[in-house]
């Protein structure tokens, strides 16, 4: 079965807060009650958790606003796991830790 919720990853040029992100979304005429969660899974990346029925509308609005949707972004990929305390771990260890950190967020 398909998941009920999907993440939409979009780039951002500077650090932002959830409140500022919601304000931006409202400016784009996106009903923020359809956004279940906003997270920041990587540097300069905003992740929006949306219900699958609302997903096409969000993507359409992003396209009209010329905001690229990052379809291939993987928040658990090692390139996105920047925690310096795990720098000395092997790649397989960092991969496991990255996935654990993402699940427990």
Protein backbone atom coordinates (compact mmCIF):
# COMPACT_ATOMS: atom_id res chain seq x y z
CA UNK A 1 0.00 0.00 0.00
CA UNK A 2 1.05 3.59 -0.52
CA UNK A 3 2.05 5.66 2.48
CA UNK A 4 -0.57 8.15 3.62
CA UNK A 5 2.04 10.88 3.98
CA UNK A 6 4.94 11.99 1.82
CA UNK A 7 7.86 14.33 2.27
CA UNK A 8 8.37 17.18 -0.16
CA UNK A 9 11.95 18.43 -0.06
CA UNK A 10 12.69 21.94 -1.26
CA UNK A 11 15.88 24.00 -1.17
CA UNK A 12 16.28 27.14 0.91
CA UNK A 13 19.05 29.69 0.63
CA UNK A 14 19.42 30.52 4.30
CA UNK A 15 18.58 29.17 7.71
CA UNK A 16 14.95 29.57 8.55
CA UNK A 17 12.50 28.63 11.28
CA UNK A 18 9.30 26.64 11.08
CA UNK A 19 7.36 29.83 11.68
CA UNK A 20 9.11 31.64 8.81
CA UNK A 21 8.57 28.62 6.56
CA UNK A 22 4.84 28.56 7.35
CA UNK A 23 4.69 32.29 6.57
CA UNK A 24 6.38 31.65 3.20
CA UNK A 25 3.94 28.82 2.45
CA UNK A 26 0.95 31.04 3.27
CA UNK A 27 2.43 33.70 0.95
CA UNK A 28 2.34 31.02 -1.80
CA UNK A 29 -1.35 30.42 -0.97
CA UNK A 30 -0.61 27.00 0.49
CA UNK A 31 -3.01 26.00 3.22
CA UNK A 32 -0.55 25.26 6.03
CA UNK A 33 -3.07 23.08 7.84
CA UNK A 34 -2.27 20.54 5.10
CA UNK A 35 1.39 20.58 6.17
CA UNK A 36 1.72 18.12 9.04
CA UNK A 37 5.36 18.80 9.82
CA UNK A 38 8.25 20.96 8.74
CA UNK A 39 11.77 19.71 9.31
CA UNK A 40 15.27 20.59 8.18
CA UNK A 41 16.95 17.27 7.27
CA UNK A 42 20.02 18.77 5.64
CA UNK A 43 21.85 22.00 5.12
CA UNK A 44 19.65 24.37 3.08
CA UNK A 45 16.85 21.80 2.77
CA UNK A 46 13.27 22.11 4.02
CA UNK A 47 11.15 18.99 4.30
CA UNK A 48 7.37 19.26 4.31
CA UNK A 49 5.32 16.29 5.48
CA UNK A 50 2.03 16.32 3.56
CA UNK A 51 -0.91 13.99 3.09
CA UNK A 52 -0.69 12.15 -0.23
CA UNK A 53 -3.95 13.72 -1.44
CA UNK A 54 -2.46 17.19 -0.95
CA UNK A 55 0.86 16.28 -2.62
CA UNK A 56 -0.08 17.12 -6.25
CA UNK A 57 -1.38 20.53 -5.22
CA UNK A 58 1.80 21.35 -3.27
CA UNK A 59 4.00 20.26 -6.19
CA UNK A 60 1.92 22.29 -8.64
CA UNK A 61 2.18 25.42 -6.50
CA UNK A 62 5.94 24.92 -6.16
CA UNK A 63 6.30 24.58 -9.94
CA UNK A 64 4.29 27.76 -10.56
CA UNK A 65 6.46 29.60 -8.01
CA UNK A 66 9.59 28.13 -9.68
CA UNK A 67 10.65 26.43 -6.45
CA UNK A 68 12.32 23.12 -7.35
CA UNK A 69 11.12 19.98 -5.60
CA UNK A 70 14.10 17.77 -4.78
CA UNK A 71 12.74 14.36 -5.77
CA UNK A 72 15.98 12.43 -5.25
CA UNK A 73 16.93 13.90 -1.87
CA UNK A 74 17.67 11.20 0.71
CA UNK A 75 17.97 12.56 4.26
CA UNK A 76 19.72 9.36 5.40
CA UNK A 77 22.44 9.44 2.72
CA UNK A 78 25.94 9.85 4.10
CA UNK A 79 26.44 13.10 2.16
CA UNK A 80 23.68 14.62 4.29
CA UNK A 81 24.89 13.25 7.63
CA UNK A 82 27.23 15.97 8.88
CA UNK A 83 27.46 15.30 12.62
CA UNK A 84 31.18 15.74 13.42
CA UNK A 85 31.15 13.40 16.42
CA UNK A 86 30.73 10.45 14.02
CA UNK A 87 33.47 11.57 11.63
CA UNK A 88 35.87 8.80 12.70
CA UNK A 89 33.29 6.01 12.25
CA UNK A 90 33.41 3.80 9.19
CA UNK A 91 30.99 4.43 6.32
CA UNK A 92 28.74 1.44 7.22
CA UNK A 93 28.62 2.60 10.85
CA UNK A 94 27.74 6.17 9.82
CA UNK A 95 25.08 4.81 7.47
CA UNK A 96 23.45 2.88 10.32
CA UNK A 97 23.71 5.84 12.71
CA UNK A 98 22.30 8.19 10.07
CA UNK A 99 19.22 6.00 9.60
CA UNK A 100 18.75 5.65 13.37
CA UNK A 101 18.99 9.42 13.87
CA UNK A 102 16.46 10.05 11.09
CA UNK A 103 13.97 7.54 12.54
CA UNK A 104 14.20 8.91 16.07
CA UNK A 105 13.73 12.56 15.12
